[in-house]
Amino acid sequence: MSIIFIYYKNLYKIDVKSINTINEALTKFISIIGSYENDLIFLYKGKEIKHKISLNKLNNIKISVYNIKVNKSNNICFILCPKCQNLSYLN
């Protein structure tokens, strides 16, 4: 079984044979991309991930990752919804 992270239109596949919790997988992904955990938001099926979830409960895991601290030099624009305060993506 593996987890696929989708980050800036790139796919990162992480094998989870030696990983027990989702927090371990997130830590491994963060070390691969060289970012900080506080700068990222992780979504699974449209909902923010709880870090203590056991991987045995999840199948076919695809996690969307968004950087909430975007540099002005990037062409990607993130805006908070004025009603629900959730992160939105404008293309």
Protein backbone atom coordinates (compact mmCIF):
# COMPACT_ATOMS: atom_id res chain seq x y z
CA MET A 1 0.00 0.00 0.00
CA SER A 2 1.18 3.54 -0.66
CA ILE A 3 0.10 7.14 -0.20
CA ILE A 4 0.07 9.58 -3.10
CA PHE A 5 0.57 13.25 -2.26
CA ILE A 6 -0.50 15.81 -4.86
CA TYR A 7 1.52 19.01 -4.46
CA TYR A 8 1.75 21.75 -7.14
CA LYS A 9 0.48 19.31 -9.81
CA ASN A 10 3.25 16.81 -8.95
CA LEU A 11 2.64 13.33 -7.56
CA TYR A 12 4.78 12.01 -4.70
CA LYS A 13 4.34 8.32 -3.88
CA ILE A 14 5.36 7.12 -0.42
CA ASP A 15 5.46 3.44 0.51
CA VAL A 16 3.79 2.85 3.88
CA LYS A 17 5.06 -0.61 4.80
CA SER A 18 7.07 0.75 7.75
CA ILE A 19 4.66 3.58 8.61
CA ASN A 20 1.83 3.12 11.15
CA THR A 21 0.14 6.53 11.42
CA ILE A 22 -0.68 9.27 8.97
CA ASN A 23 1.53 11.66 10.97
CA GLU A 24 4.62 9.58 10.09
CA ALA A 25 3.69 9.71 6.40
CA LEU A 26 3.17 13.48 6.54
CA THR A 27 6.54 13.94 8.25
CA LYS A 28 8.25 11.86 5.58
CA PHE A 29 6.57 13.87 2.80
CA ILE A 30 7.52 17.19 4.41
CA SER A 31 11.16 16.08 4.56
CA ILE A 32 11.04 15.16 0.84
CA ILE A 33 9.78 18.56 -0.30
CA GLY A 34 11.86 20.53 2.21
CA SER A 35 9.07 22.65 3.65
CA TYR A 36 7.64 23.37 7.10
CA GLU A 37 4.52 21.65 8.44
CA ASN A 38 2.98 24.98 9.48
CA ASP A 39 3.20 26.21 5.88
CA LEU A 40 1.14 23.31 4.50
CA ILE A 41 -2.43 22.09 4.69
CA PHE A 42 -3.26 18.43 3.98
CA LEU A 43 -6.67 17.39 2.64
CA TYR A 44 -8.10 13.88 2.28
CA LYS A 45 -11.48 13.69 0.51
CA GLY A 46 -11.84 17.45 0.94
CA LYS A 47 -11.36 17.47 4.71
CA GLU A 48 -8.30 18.44 6.72
CA ILE A 49 -6.37 15.42 7.97
CA LYS A 50 -6.31 14.49 11.62
CA HIS A 51 -2.69 13.56 12.36
CA LYS A 52 -3.45 10.56 14.61
CA ILE A 53 -5.37 8.46 12.05
CA SER A 54 -4.19 4.86 11.71
CA LEU A 55 -3.31 3.85 8.17
CA ASN A 56 -5.23 0.57 8.54
CA LYS A 57 -8.51 2.50 8.34
CA LEU A 58 -7.67 4.14 5.00
CA ASN A 59 -7.52 2.65 1.50
CA ASN A 60 -6.39 4.20 -1.80
CA ILE A 61 -5.02 7.28 -0.11
CA LYS A 62 -4.58 10.42 -2.22
CA ILE A 63 -3.76 13.52 -0.22
CA SER A 64 -3.92 17.03 -1.66
CA VAL A 65 -1.28 19.36 -0.24
CA TYR A 66 -1.54 23.15 -0.39
CA ASN A 67 1.03 25.72 0.63
CA ILE A 68 -0.72 28.40 2.70
CA LYS A 69 2.35 30.67 2.75
CA VAL A 70 2.84 31.37 -0.95
CA ASN A 71 5.61 33.67 -2.15
CA LYS A 72 4.53 36.62 -4.28
CA SER A 73 6.75 35.32 -7.07
CA ASN A 74 4.51 32.26 -7.55
CA ASN A 75 1.73 32.44 -10.13
CA ILE A 76 -0.65 30.53 -7.89
CA CYS A 77 -3.21 32.47 -5.88
CA PHE A 78 -4.85 31.25 -2.68
CA ILE A 79 -7.74 33.16 -1.14
CA LEU A 80 -9.77 32.50 1.99
CA CYS A 81 -13.52 32.20 1.51
CA PRO A 82 -15.20 35.14 3.31
CA LYS A 83 -18.08 32.95 4.53
CA CYS A 84 -16.46 29.68 5.68
CA GLN A 85 -12.81 30.85 5.99
CA ASN A 86 -11.61 27.76 4.05
CA LEU A 87 -8.75 27.88 1.62
CA SER A 88 -9.77 28.22 -2.02
CA TYR A 89 -7.74 27.92 -5.21
CA LEU A 90 -8.09 30.31 -8.13
CA ASN A 91 -6.80 29.35 -11.52
